[in-house]
Amino acid sequence: MQNTNVQAGMSSSAGVKEINEDYAGFLIPNDNYLAQVKGMAFCIADGVSSAEAGKEASETAVERFLTEYVKTPDTWSVSRSGEQVLSAINLRLYRKSHEFTQDNKGYLTTLSCLIVKGIHGHLFHVGDSRVFRLRGDTFEQLSTDHITLLGHGKSFLSRALGMDNNIHIDYCSFELNKGDIYLLSTDGLHEFVPTAELLKTLKQDADPERIAQQLCQHAADNGSDDNISCVVVKIHQLPHQDESEFNAELMRLPFPPTLVPGMKLDGYKVVEELFASPRSQLYLVEDEESGQRFAMKTPSINFEDDAHYIDRFLKEQWIGSRIDSPYVVKIIQHSRPRTALYYLMERLDGVSLDVWMERNHPIKPKQAIQIVKKIALGLNAFHSNDAIHQDLKPGNVMVLNDGSVKLVDFGSVFVAGVAELYRPIEHLGALGTASYSDPNYLVGKNSAVQGDVYSLATICYELFTGQLPYGDKVEECTTMFDYDRLRYRSAAKYNALIPVWFDKALQKGVNFNLTQRYETVDALLADLTKPNPDFLKPEPEPQEASSLVFWKILSGFWFVTLLLMLYLFSQSQGGS
């Protein structure tokens, strides 16, 4: 594959092994704007053979990097984009590794990625796969093997994706030269092809894919006992503009002004304002070229000088791009240069769930539980990407005209594995937010998935009763002590058709104590759709409890009386 500047090819085979645990891939965007802001990505990975899921790990690492790297905000540097993506991938593999009970099984892989952008190359590396550069007659290894030698010819891999929850990735950048040739390879190739043979093959005036195939064949002919893979990249031309200048232009993007219908921005015509708050605006816009309609989100000029806010706004776009689900609003990739700061989402024809509930009250139980199930599927899409929504409420759930449901708003999403300090949700007095958010956020505690469980259970309660599980007073709470004074109100009190087991599931879902709350959305949903036998057991008789309290009080009374008599008796004895 090639464009006018770069040509690349690859080859990968199992070699003498039954399974190919190597994985190679590259992405040369056809879109000129994407190629300019993100460059081209080339990757190779070698799944650790002693781990059960080495093949799945190498494939996941390469595929997710190539997919997610280009979706990072175009204002991010290559280093930041790569590190954020790799950090999230590493945590994903690490967590999957710990699903196994045996220590020698897991999702472990090496990974080497080369980004070619403008006149610079960028290298991300972990493990013992390698990246070489041939420049004229100079052939050198750019990566460092993460190997620990034990002596007597023995060694072990000291660093790999999925090995630890915090991974240190080697990163470096360097200038490209016209005529450079780069080779990414796994140890099944570079340990079995002598340097002289590598050089002779790389210098051929041939297609990179043909060269890659020849190198793999040389390794096999030389007795390679491992999987054999490589990627070959040839630099034919370099652009005239330095990408650092282009990046600087992106970073200086101004906030768009307040838009009104009829105004145009970068080829998008504003149709109407859909939403406005002190933090952002949402407009319905139409692409003048294609006629397609999108939702455009713009930052509020109130935060024009707030670097933290700008960074968070940019991160929203990337977070949304990572989640591909029919139950989550889709982010639209930019296809042309921007003159202002904003991002695009798919247009949704429908209303928010709070509006829908007002229009459809009372709601049929079958209809209500279907909505809950669809919201749960949307949340699972977040959770499978190590992301927590954190601000799930009816206003952030869209019910479309065709009956489908989509979660929206990535402003409060927390992504595990991404290097950032945890920040609890900022409650800005928006109607309903405090009613649906986990009280643990108030004290700065990240309740992770369980926070979304609380919000889903609260929404479910409202769908079936038209009320909130703790009433309106939850809006007035400012400390955990305030929340502790609240008491769960039985859903059956407001809807006599609700069975005991369903009510108990809701109560467990909104329990303030995390040890008493469901740990996953699926666990909550299971008890909402099928009676849990534990919830059908009879409650202890209140008379027995009252009787026990009575005898405790009576015993305490007689004990205090006895102490008083002993004290008075001792005083009278002393006086005599």
Protein backbone atom coordinates (compact mmCIF):
# COMPACT_ATOMS: atom_id res chain seq x y z
CA MET A 1 0.00 0.00 0.00
CA GLN A 2 1.23 3.52 -0.71
CA ASN A 3 0.52 7.20 -1.20
CA THR A 4 2.74 9.67 -3.03
CA ASN A 5 5.17 9.90 -0.10
CA VAL A 6 5.24 6.51 1.62
CA GLN A 7 5.04 2.89 0.50
CA ALA A 8 4.60 -0.09 2.85
CA GLY A 9 4.12 -3.84 2.87
CA MET A 10 4.03 -6.68 5.42
CA SER A 11 4.13 -10.43 5.85
CA SER A 12 3.26 -12.70 8.77
CA SER A 13 3.18 -16.47 9.13
CA ALA A 14 3.03 -19.12 11.84
CA GLY A 15 6.33 -20.61 10.66
CA VAL A 16 6.86 -24.06 12.18
CA LYS A 17 4.29 -23.42 14.92
CA GLU A 18 0.61 -24.37 14.79
CA ILE A 19 -0.64 -20.92 15.84
CA ASN A 20 0.56 -17.52 14.66
CA GLU A 21 0.76 -15.34 17.76
CA ASP A 22 2.38 -12.47 15.82
CA TYR A 23 0.23 -9.71 14.39
CA ALA A 24 1.17 -6.91 12.00
CA GLY A 25 -0.77 -4.05 10.49
CA PHE A 26 -0.57 -0.51 9.21
CA LEU A 27 -2.82 2.38 8.29
CA ILE A 28 -2.17 4.88 5.51
CA PRO A 29 -5.26 7.13 5.47
CA ASN A 30 -6.89 7.87 2.14
CA ASP A 31 -8.29 11.08 3.60
CA ASN A 32 -5.76 13.87 3.08
CA TYR A 33 -6.81 15.82 6.17
CA LEU A 34 -6.55 12.74 8.40
CA ALA A 35 -3.15 11.90 6.92
CA GLN A 36 -2.00 15.44 7.63
CA VAL A 37 -3.18 15.65 11.26
CA LYS A 38 -2.47 12.03 12.29
CA GLY A 39 0.07 10.72 9.83
CA MET A 40 0.50 7.02 9.04
CA ALA A 41 0.79 4.19 11.57
CA PHE A 42 2.73 0.92 11.29
CA CYS A 43 2.61 -1.75 14.02
CA ILE A 44 3.92 -5.18 14.88
CA ALA A 45 3.25 -7.33 17.94
CA ASP A 46 4.44 -10.70 19.26
CA GLY A 47 2.03 -12.39 21.64
CA VAL A 48 3.80 -14.04 24.58
CA SER A 49 3.67 -17.77 23.81
CA SER A 50 3.66 -18.83 27.48
CA ALA A 51 0.41 -16.92 27.95
CA GLU A 52 -2.83 -18.60 26.93
CA ALA A 53 -4.12 -15.58 25.02
CA GLY A 54 -0.97 -14.36 23.27
CA LYS A 55 -2.64 -14.46 19.85
CA GLU A 56 -5.65 -12.47 21.06
CA ALA A 57 -3.39 -10.01 22.88
CA SER A 58 -1.22 -9.18 19.84
CA GLU A 59 -4.25 -8.81 17.57
CA THR A 60 -6.07 -6.62 20.11
CA ALA A 61 -3.03 -4.38 20.62
CA VAL A 62 -2.43 -3.71 16.92
CA GLU A 63 -6.06 -3.41 15.83
CA ARG A 64 -7.07 -1.13 18.70
CA PHE A 65 -4.02 1.09 18.27
CA LEU A 66 -4.64 1.56 14.55
CA THR A 67 -8.34 2.20 15.18
CA GLU A 68 -8.09 4.47 18.22
CA TYR A 69 -4.97 6.48 17.36
CA VAL A 70 -6.59 8.23 14.40
CA LYS A 71 -9.66 9.03 16.52
CA THR A 72 -7.71 11.08 19.06
CA PRO A 73 -8.29 14.85 18.85
CA ASP A 74 -6.44 16.40 15.91
CA THR A 75 -5.02 19.03 18.28
CA TRP A 76 -3.15 16.39 20.32
CA SER A 77 0.52 15.72 19.65
CA VAL A 78 1.61 12.31 18.36
CA SER A 79 3.25 11.49 21.70
CA ARG A 80 0.15 12.32 23.72
CA SER A 81 -2.19 10.49 21.36
CA GLY A 82 -0.05 7.36 21.33
CA GLU A 83 0.54 7.30 25.07
CA GLN A 84 -3.14 7.80 25.89
CA VAL A 85 -4.22 5.03 23.53
CA LEU A 86 -1.51 2.58 24.66
CA SER A 87 -2.27 3.23 28.31
CA ALA A 88 -5.92 2.33 27.74
CA ILE A 89 -5.01 -0.78 25.69
CA ASN A 90 -2.55 -1.94 28.35
CA LEU A 91 -5.12 -1.72 31.13
CA ARG A 92 -7.64 -3.58 28.97
CA LEU A 93 -5.19 -6.46 28.43
CA TYR A 94 -4.11 -6.41 32.09
CA ARG A 95 -7.70 -6.77 33.29
CA LYS A 96 -8.40 -9.56 30.82
CA SER A 97 -5.23 -11.30 32.01
CA HIS A 98 -6.55 -11.31 35.56
CA GLU A 99 -9.73 -13.05 34.52
CA PHE A 100 -7.62 -16.22 34.51
CA THR A 101 -6.99 -18.13 37.73
CA GLN A 102 -3.65 -19.59 36.68
CA ASP A 103 -0.58 -17.37 36.81
CA ASN A 104 0.86 -18.61 33.50
CA LYS A 105 -2.15 -17.57 31.47
CA GLY A 106 -3.07 -14.16 30.23
CA TYR A 107 -3.12 -11.47 27.57
CA LEU A 108 0.52 -10.44 27.10
CA THR A 109 2.22 -9.07 24.01
CA THR A 110 5.11 -6.97 22.75
CA LEU A 111 4.27 -3.97 20.58
CA SER A 112 6.26 -1.65 18.33
CA CYS A 113 4.55 1.23 16.53
CA LEU A 114 6.04 3.66 14.03
CA ILE A 115 4.14 6.86 13.22
CA VAL A 116 5.20 8.78 10.12
CA LYS A 117 3.84 12.33 10.23
CA GLY A 118 5.15 15.22 8.20
CA ILE A 119 8.96 15.24 8.34
CA HIS A 120 9.17 13.31 11.63
CA GLY A 121 8.98 9.70 12.72
CA HIS A 122 7.64 8.69 16.15
CA LEU A 123 8.35 5.38 17.82
CA PHE A 124 6.38 3.67 20.62
CA HIS A 125 7.84 0.43 21.89
CA VAL A 126 7.52 -2.22 24.60
CA GLY A 127 9.00 -5.75 24.60
CA ASP A 128 11.51 -7.41 22.27
CA SER A 129 10.02 -6.89 18.82
CA ARG A 130 12.31 -4.47 16.96
CA VAL A 131 12.37 -1.39 14.73
CA PHE A 132 15.36 -0.86 12.40
CA ARG A 133 16.28 1.99 10.07
CA LEU A 134 18.33 1.78 6.90
CA ARG A 135 19.59 5.23 5.89
CA GLY A 136 22.04 5.03 3.01
CA ASP A 137 24.56 2.44 4.18
CA THR A 138 23.83 2.99 7.88
CA PHE A 139 21.69 0.28 9.44
CA GLU A 140 20.68 0.69 13.09
CA GLN A 141 18.22 -0.59 15.64
CA LEU A 142 16.00 2.24 16.96
CA SER A 143 14.21 0.22 19.65
CA THR A 144 15.60 -1.30 22.85
CA ASP A 145 14.92 -4.92 23.80
CA HIS A 146 13.15 -5.17 27.16
CA ILE A 147 14.91 -8.36 28.18
CA THR A 148 16.46 -9.36 31.49
CA LEU A 149 19.40 -11.78 31.22
CA LEU A 150 19.62 -14.52 33.85
CA GLY A 151 22.92 -16.06 32.75
CA HIS A 152 23.63 -19.47 31.19
CA GLY A 153 21.87 -18.31 28.05
CA LYS A 154 18.55 -17.74 29.81
CA SER A 155 16.47 -14.57 29.77
CA PHE A 156 12.92 -13.35 30.21
CA LEU A 157 10.74 -10.58 28.87
CA SER A 158 10.83 -7.78 31.44
CA ARG A 159 8.19 -5.54 29.86
CA ALA A 160 5.05 -6.24 27.82
CA LEU A 161 1.55 -4.90 27.30
CA GLY A 162 -0.85 -6.49 29.80
CA MET A 163 1.91 -7.35 32.27
CA ASP A 164 1.21 -4.55 34.75
CA ASN A 165 -1.61 -2.06 35.28
CA ASN A 166 0.89 0.77 34.79
CA ILE A 167 3.15 0.27 31.81
CA HIS A 168 6.23 2.27 30.81
CA ILE A 169 6.31 2.79 27.05
CA ASP A 170 9.52 3.79 25.26
CA TYR A 171 8.92 6.83 23.05
CA CYS A 172 11.23 8.80 20.78
CA SER A 173 10.91 11.06 17.75
CA PHE A 174 13.38 11.76 14.96
CA GLU A 175 13.62 13.50 11.61
CA LEU A 176 12.88 11.49 8.49
CA ASN A 177 15.06 11.53 5.41
CA LYS A 178 14.03 10.92 1.84
CA GLY A 179 15.04 7.33 0.97
CA ASP A 180 14.77 5.99 4.55
CA ILE A 181 13.69 2.35 4.88
CA TYR A 182 12.19 1.12 8.17
CA LEU A 183 11.83 -2.51 9.24
CA LEU A 184 9.57 -3.67 12.08
CA SER A 185 10.12 -7.33 12.95
CA THR A 186 9.51 -10.04 15.54
CA ASP A 187 12.28 -12.23 16.97
CA GLY A 188 11.30 -15.11 14.71
CA LEU A 189 12.73 -13.05 11.86
CA HIS A 190 15.56 -10.84 13.10
CA GLU A 191 17.20 -13.60 15.15
CA PHE A 192 17.43 -15.87 12.10
CA VAL A 193 18.38 -13.49 9.28
CA PRO A 194 21.98 -12.22 9.34
CA THR A 195 22.46 -8.46 9.03
CA ALA A 196 24.17 -8.78 5.65
CA GLU A 197 21.18 -10.69 4.29
CA LEU A 198 18.77 -8.14 5.80
CA LEU A 199 20.62 -5.27 4.11
CA LYS A 200 20.82 -6.99 0.75
CA THR A 201 17.09 -7.71 0.75
CA LEU A 202 16.04 -4.25 2.00
CA LYS A 203 18.11 -2.47 -0.64
CA GLN A 204 16.32 -4.21 -3.50
CA ASP A 205 14.39 -1.98 -5.87
CA ALA A 206 11.22 -3.89 -5.17
CA ASP A 207 7.77 -3.47 -3.70
CA PRO A 208 7.88 -3.40 0.17
CA GLU A 209 5.41 -6.28 0.39
CA ARG A 210 7.65 -8.40 -1.85
CA ILE A 211 10.65 -7.49 0.32
CA ALA A 212 8.72 -8.42 3.48
CA GLN A 213 7.80 -11.81 2.03
CA GLN A 214 11.42 -12.48 1.04
CA LEU A 215 12.68 -11.61 4.54
CA CYS A 216 10.19 -13.99 6.13
CA GLN A 217 11.19 -16.72 3.69
CA HIS A 218 14.89 -16.18 4.52
CA ALA A 219 14.07 -16.65 8.22
CA ALA A 220 12.18 -19.86 7.52
CA ASP A 221 15.02 -21.19 5.31
CA ASN A 222 17.49 -20.39 8.11
CA GLY A 223 15.61 -22.59 10.57
CA SER A 224 13.42 -20.12 12.47
CA ASP A 225 11.56 -21.97 15.23
CA ASP A 226 9.04 -19.18 15.90
CA ASN A 227 6.34 -17.16 14.18
CA ILE A 228 7.82 -14.92 11.47
CA SER A 229 6.56 -11.38 10.80
CA CYS A 230 7.73 -8.00 9.53
CA VAL A 231 6.59 -4.65 8.14
CA VAL A 232 8.69 -2.73 5.60
CA VAL A 233 8.22 1.05 5.13
CA LYS A 234 9.86 3.14 2.39
CA ILE A 235 9.97 6.97 2.55
CA HIS A 236 9.88 8.35 -1.01
CA GLN A 237 9.10 12.03 -0.43
CA LEU A 238 8.72 14.45 2.47
CA PRO A 239 6.12 17.25 2.74
CA HIS A 240 7.18 20.87 2.49
CA GLN A 241 5.32 22.04 5.62
CA ASP A 242 6.73 21.11 9.02
CA GLU A 243 3.97 19.34 10.99
CA SER A 244 4.94 21.33 14.09
CA GLU A 245 3.77 24.46 12.29
CA PHE A 246 0.55 22.72 11.32
CA ASN A 247 -0.01 21.53 14.91
CA ALA A 248 0.56 25.05 16.21
CA GLU A 249 -2.18 26.26 13.89
CA LEU A 250 -4.56 23.64 15.32
CA MET A 251 -3.73 24.54 18.92
CA ARG A 252 -4.59 28.17 18.21
CA LEU A 253 -8.12 27.31 17.06
CA PRO A 254 -10.46 29.97 18.47
CA PHE A 255 -13.78 29.33 20.20
CA PRO A 256 -16.64 29.81 17.72
CA PRO A 257 -19.00 32.70 18.45
CA THR A 258 -22.60 32.14 19.48
CA LEU A 259 -24.19 30.69 16.35
CA VAL A 260 -27.65 31.44 15.00
CA PRO A 261 -29.64 29.78 12.20
CA GLY A 262 -28.29 30.67 8.77
CA MET A 263 -24.68 31.18 9.89
CA LYS A 264 -21.98 29.03 8.28
CA LEU A 265 -18.84 27.51 9.79
CA ASP A 266 -16.33 25.45 7.76
CA GLY A 267 -19.01 24.45 5.26
CA TYR A 268 -21.64 23.61 7.89
CA LYS A 269 -24.81 25.71 7.88
CA VAL A 270 -26.55 26.17 11.23
CA VAL A 271 -30.18 25.01 11.09
CA GLU A 272 -31.18 25.52 14.72
CA GLU A 273 -29.90 25.60 18.29
CA LEU A 274 -30.69 22.31 20.04
CA PHE A 275 -29.29 23.00 23.51
CA ALA A 276 -27.35 25.63 25.42
CA SER A 277 -25.84 25.68 28.91
CA PRO A 278 -23.13 27.68 30.71
CA ARG A 279 -20.60 25.04 29.55
CA SER A 280 -21.45 24.30 25.90
CA GLN A 281 -23.88 24.64 23.00
CA LEU A 282 -25.35 22.08 20.62
CA TYR A 283 -26.51 23.00 17.12
CA LEU A 284 -28.18 21.14 14.28
CA VAL A 285 -26.03 21.80 11.20
CA GLU A 286 -26.12 20.77 7.55
CA ASP A 287 -23.06 19.93 5.46
CA GLU A 288 -23.30 22.14 2.38
CA GLU A 289 -21.35 19.60 0.31
CA SER A 290 -23.22 16.38 1.13
CA GLY A 291 -26.50 17.70 2.53
CA GLN A 292 -26.07 15.49 5.61
CA ARG A 293 -27.15 16.83 8.98
CA PHE A 294 -25.13 16.55 12.17
CA ALA A 295 -25.13 17.83 15.71
CA MET A 296 -22.28 20.29 16.33
CA LYS A 297 -21.05 20.76 19.89
CA THR A 298 -19.18 23.99 20.64
CA PRO A 299 -17.41 25.11 23.83
CA SER A 300 -18.74 28.02 25.87
CA ILE A 301 -16.84 31.28 25.55
CA ASN A 302 -17.06 31.46 29.37
CA PHE A 303 -14.04 29.11 29.40
CA GLU A 304 -12.00 30.60 26.58
CA ASP A 305 -8.96 31.06 28.84
CA ASP A 306 -9.39 27.80 30.79
CA ALA A 307 -6.73 25.35 29.54
CA HIS A 308 -8.15 22.52 31.65
CA TYR A 309 -11.63 23.01 30.18
CA ILE A 310 -10.25 23.08 26.62
CA ASP A 311 -8.30 19.88 27.22
CA ARG A 312 -11.39 18.18 28.61
CA PHE A 313 -13.52 19.35 25.67
CA LEU A 314 -11.02 17.86 23.24
CA LYS A 315 -10.91 14.61 25.21
CA GLU A 316 -14.70 14.24 24.92
CA GLN A 317 -14.32 13.73 21.19
CA TRP A 318 -11.77 10.95 21.63
CA ILE A 319 -13.76 9.23 24.39
CA GLY A 320 -16.86 9.16 22.21
CA SER A 321 -14.91 7.94 19.19
CA ARG A 322 -13.65 4.89 21.12
CA ILE A 323 -17.17 3.60 21.81
CA ASP A 324 -18.88 1.95 18.86
CA SER A 325 -22.38 0.86 19.87
CA PRO A 326 -25.90 1.26 18.46
CA TYR A 327 -26.88 2.43 21.97
CA VAL A 328 -24.35 5.31 22.13
CA VAL A 329 -24.31 8.46 19.99
CA LYS A 330 -21.61 8.32 17.31
CA ILE A 331 -18.84 10.90 16.92
CA ILE A 332 -18.22 12.01 13.33
CA GLN A 333 -14.58 12.08 12.19
CA HIS A 334 -13.45 15.45 10.78
CA SER A 335 -12.85 15.27 7.05
CA ARG A 336 -11.65 18.83 6.41
CA PRO A 337 -9.71 21.54 8.23
CA ARG A 338 -11.40 23.48 11.03
CA THR A 339 -11.16 27.18 11.67
CA ALA A 340 -12.69 26.92 15.16
CA LEU A 341 -12.98 24.50 18.07
CA TYR A 342 -15.96 22.09 17.88
CA TYR A 343 -16.80 18.47 17.11
CA LEU A 344 -19.60 16.69 15.27
CA MET A 345 -22.00 13.93 16.31
CA GLU A 346 -24.68 12.01 14.48
CA ARG A 347 -28.08 13.70 14.34
CA LEU A 348 -30.66 12.05 16.60
CA ASP A 349 -34.36 12.35 15.79
CA GLY A 350 -36.15 12.01 19.08
CA VAL A 351 -36.47 13.45 22.56
CA SER A 352 -34.61 13.07 25.84
CA LEU A 353 -35.95 10.46 28.26
CA ASP A 354 -37.22 13.06 30.75
CA VAL A 355 -39.40 14.62 28.04
CA TRP A 356 -40.47 11.17 26.83
CA MET A 357 -41.56 10.17 30.35
CA GLU A 358 -43.73 13.27 30.68
CA ARG A 359 -45.42 12.56 27.36
CA ASN A 360 -45.99 8.84 27.98
CA HIS A 361 -47.02 8.75 31.66
CA PRO A 362 -48.13 6.27 32.92
CA ILE A 363 -45.60 4.00 31.24
CA LYS A 364 -46.41 0.37 30.51
CA PRO A 365 -44.09 -2.01 32.45
CA LYS A 366 -43.06 -3.90 29.30
CA GLN A 367 -42.08 -0.64 27.62
CA ALA A 368 -40.22 0.59 30.71
CA ILE A 369 -38.09 -2.54 31.12
CA GLN A 370 -37.17 -2.47 27.41
CA ILE A 371 -35.80 1.05 27.83
CA VAL A 372 -33.83 -0.05 30.89
CA LYS A 373 -32.34 -2.96 28.93
CA LYS A 374 -31.24 -0.67 26.09
CA ILE A 375 -29.66 1.81 28.51
CA ALA A 376 -27.84 -1.13 30.12
CA LEU A 377 -26.45 -2.18 26.72
CA GLY A 378 -25.18 1.35 26.20
CA LEU A 379 -23.50 1.37 29.61
CA ASN A 380 -21.89 -2.00 28.90
CA ALA A 381 -20.37 -0.48 25.76
CA PHE A 382 -18.74 2.16 27.98
CA HIS A 383 -17.60 -0.38 30.57
CA SER A 384 -16.12 -2.76 27.98
CA ASN A 385 -13.90 0.16 26.94
CA ASP A 386 -12.84 0.83 30.55
CA ALA A 387 -14.97 3.99 30.60
CA ILE A 388 -17.55 5.13 33.16
CA HIS A 389 -20.33 7.51 32.09
CA GLN A 390 -20.64 9.12 35.57
CA ASP A 391 -23.51 11.45 34.62
CA LEU A 392 -26.29 9.11 33.49
CA LYS A 393 -29.67 10.83 33.83
CA PRO A 394 -32.87 11.05 31.72
CA GLY A 395 -31.57 14.22 30.07
CA ASN A 396 -28.56 12.26 28.75
CA VAL A 397 -30.65 9.43 27.30
CA MET A 398 -32.31 9.95 23.92
CA VAL A 399 -35.42 8.00 22.90
CA LEU A 400 -35.56 8.11 19.11
CA ASN A 401 -38.65 8.16 16.93
CA ASP A 402 -38.07 4.54 15.88
CA GLY A 403 -38.04 3.40 19.53
CA SER A 404 -34.28 2.97 19.82
CA VAL A 405 -32.32 4.43 22.74
CA LYS A 406 -28.92 6.15 22.72
CA LEU A 407 -26.74 7.50 25.51
CA VAL A 408 -25.26 10.95 24.92
CA ASP A 409 -22.86 13.42 26.57
CA PHE A 410 -19.23 12.45 27.21
CA GLY A 411 -18.45 15.49 29.37
CA SER A 412 -18.12 13.58 32.65
CA VAL A 413 -16.82 10.26 31.33
CA PHE A 414 -13.87 8.77 33.22
CA VAL A 415 -11.50 6.53 31.26
CA ALA A 416 -9.47 4.06 33.30
CA GLY A 417 -5.88 3.66 32.20
CA VAL A 418 -5.63 7.22 30.96
CA ALA A 419 -3.09 9.34 32.80
CA GLU A 420 -5.28 11.91 34.51
CA LEU A 421 -6.32 12.67 38.06
CA TYR A 422 -9.82 11.57 38.97
CA ARG A 423 -12.23 14.45 39.24
CA PRO A 424 -15.75 14.00 40.61
CA ILE A 425 -18.68 15.37 38.65
CA GLU A 426 -19.24 19.09 38.99
CA HIS A 427 -22.88 19.64 39.98
CA LEU A 428 -23.81 22.94 38.42
CA GLY A 429 -27.43 22.94 39.53
CA ALA A 430 -28.65 21.27 36.35
CA LEU A 431 -32.11 19.87 36.99
CA GLY A 432 -31.98 16.21 37.90
CA THR A 433 -28.22 15.65 37.94
CA ALA A 434 -27.85 15.30 41.71
CA SER A 435 -30.90 13.03 41.83
CA TYR A 436 -29.31 10.39 39.61
CA SER A 437 -25.62 10.60 40.51
CA ASP A 438 -23.98 8.31 43.05
CA PRO A 439 -23.54 10.20 46.37
CA ASN A 440 -20.04 8.73 46.60
CA TYR A 441 -18.98 11.20 43.88
CA LEU A 442 -19.78 13.99 46.33
CA VAL A 443 -16.90 12.97 48.58
CA GLY A 444 -14.52 12.44 45.65
CA LYS A 445 -14.78 8.65 45.63
CA ASN A 446 -14.72 6.98 42.22
CA SER A 447 -17.29 4.21 42.55
CA ALA A 448 -16.49 3.13 38.98
CA VAL A 449 -19.07 0.80 37.41
CA GLN A 450 -21.15 0.86 40.59
CA GLY A 451 -21.76 4.58 40.07
CA ASP A 452 -23.44 3.87 36.74
CA VAL A 453 -25.38 1.03 38.40
CA TYR A 454 -26.82 3.54 40.90
CA SER A 455 -27.91 5.89 38.10
CA LEU A 456 -29.51 3.09 36.06
CA ALA A 457 -31.42 1.77 39.09
CA THR A 458 -32.66 5.30 39.84
CA ILE A 459 -33.89 5.78 36.26
CA CYS A 460 -35.58 2.38 36.37
CA TYR A 461 -37.33 3.31 39.63
CA GLU A 462 -38.62 6.52 38.06
CA LEU A 463 -39.82 4.78 34.89
CA PHE A 464 -41.97 2.42 36.96
CA THR A 465 -43.18 4.85 39.64
CA GLY A 466 -42.79 8.41 38.39
CA GLN A 467 -40.91 9.09 41.63
CA LEU A 468 -37.32 8.99 42.94
CA PRO A 469 -36.14 6.28 45.38
CA TYR A 470 -35.17 8.80 48.08
CA GLY A 471 -37.61 11.57 47.19
CA ASP A 472 -36.90 15.21 46.35
CA LYS A 473 -34.79 15.74 49.49
CA VAL A 474 -31.87 14.07 47.76
CA GLU A 475 -31.39 17.36 45.88
CA GLU A 476 -30.71 19.15 49.17
CA CYS A 477 -27.94 16.80 50.36
CA THR A 478 -24.47 18.29 50.53
CA THR A 479 -22.63 15.74 52.74
CA MET A 480 -22.68 11.98 53.20
CA PHE A 481 -24.27 12.60 56.61
CA ASP A 482 -27.23 14.19 54.80
CA TYR A 483 -27.56 11.12 52.57
CA ASP A 484 -27.37 8.76 55.56
CA ARG A 485 -30.50 10.39 56.97
CA LEU A 486 -32.51 9.46 53.87
CA ARG A 487 -34.50 6.23 53.69
CA TYR A 488 -35.38 4.19 50.62
CA ARG A 489 -39.05 4.49 49.69
CA SER A 490 -40.58 1.21 48.53
CA ALA A 491 -41.46 1.34 44.83
CA ALA A 492 -44.62 -0.67 45.59
CA LYS A 493 -45.90 2.35 47.52
CA TYR A 494 -46.28 4.20 44.21
CA ASN A 495 -47.02 1.26 41.92
CA ALA A 496 -48.97 -1.60 43.50
CA LEU A 497 -48.12 -3.88 40.56
CA ILE A 498 -44.42 -3.95 41.46
CA PRO A 499 -43.51 -7.33 43.04
CA VAL A 500 -41.38 -7.62 46.17
CA TRP A 501 -38.37 -9.11 44.34
CA PHE A 502 -38.32 -6.25 41.81
CA ASP A 503 -38.50 -3.66 44.59
CA LYS A 504 -35.65 -5.36 46.46
CA ALA A 505 -33.50 -5.29 43.31
CA LEU A 506 -34.08 -1.55 42.95
CA GLN A 507 -33.26 -1.01 46.61
CA LYS A 508 -29.98 -2.90 46.25
CA GLY A 509 -29.17 -0.94 43.08
CA VAL A 510 -29.43 2.44 44.85
CA ASN A 511 -27.84 1.42 48.14
CA PHE A 512 -25.42 4.13 49.29
CA ASN A 513 -23.12 1.43 50.71
CA LEU A 514 -20.99 0.08 47.85
CA THR A 515 -20.56 -3.27 49.59
CA GLN A 516 -24.33 -3.70 49.48
CA ARG A 517 -24.82 -2.48 45.88
CA TYR A 518 -24.60 -4.50 42.67
CA GLU A 519 -21.12 -4.56 41.19
CA THR A 520 -22.18 -4.71 37.54
CA VAL A 521 -25.02 -3.55 35.31
CA ASP A 522 -25.66 -7.15 34.24
CA ALA A 523 -26.14 -8.25 37.86
CA LEU A 524 -28.76 -5.53 38.40
CA LEU A 525 -30.50 -6.37 35.14
CA ALA A 526 -30.60 -10.08 35.99
CA ASP A 527 -32.50 -9.40 39.23
CA LEU A 528 -34.83 -6.92 37.50
CA THR A 529 -35.87 -9.47 34.88
CA LYS A 530 -35.96 -12.67 36.95
CA PRO A 531 -36.92 -13.12 40.63
CA ASN A 532 -33.92 -13.55 42.92
CA PRO A 533 -34.78 -16.33 45.44
CA ASP A 534 -33.00 -14.38 48.19
CA PHE A 535 -35.53 -11.57 47.77
CA LEU A 536 -38.45 -13.94 48.23
CA LYS A 537 -37.48 -15.04 51.74
CA PRO A 538 -39.84 -13.80 54.48
CA GLU A 539 -38.75 -10.78 56.49
CA PRO A 540 -38.09 -11.28 60.24
CA GLU A 541 -41.23 -10.67 62.28
CA PRO A 542 -41.19 -7.11 63.59
CA GLN A 543 -42.74 -8.33 66.87
CA GLU A 544 -39.67 -10.42 67.58
CA ALA A 545 -37.42 -7.45 66.99
CA SER A 546 -39.61 -5.26 69.19
CA SER A 547 -39.60 -7.90 71.92
CA LEU A 548 -35.81 -8.13 71.79
CA VAL A 549 -35.48 -4.37 72.06
CA PHE A 550 -37.90 -4.35 75.00
CA TRP A 551 -35.91 -6.92 76.99
CA LYS A 552 -32.64 -5.10 76.20
CA ILE A 553 -34.11 -1.86 77.56
CA LEU A 554 -35.52 -3.60 80.62
CA SER A 555 -32.21 -5.32 81.36
CA GLY A 556 -30.39 -2.04 80.99
CA PHE A 557 -32.80 -0.37 83.38
CA TRP A 558 -32.28 -3.01 86.10
CA PHE A 559 -28.50 -2.87 85.60
CA VAL A 560 -28.44 0.92 86.08
CA THR A 561 -30.74 0.57 89.12
CA LEU A 562 -28.38 -2.01 90.64
CA LEU A 563 -25.38 0.28 90.17
CA LEU A 564 -27.27 3.17 91.77
CA MET A 565 -28.24 1.05 94.81
CA LEU A 566 -24.66 -0.14 95.27
CA TYR A 567 -23.44 3.47 95.13
CA LEU A 568 -26.01 4.68 97.68
CA PHE A 569 -25.29 1.71 99.96
CA SER A 570 -21.56 2.42 99.90
CA GLN A 571 -22.20 6.10 100.73
CA SER A 572 -24.38 5.20 103.72
CA GLN A 573 -21.78 2.73 105.01
CA GLY A 574 -19.08 5.39 104.82
CA GLY A 575 -21.23 7.91 106.71
CA SER A 576 -21.79 5.52 109.60
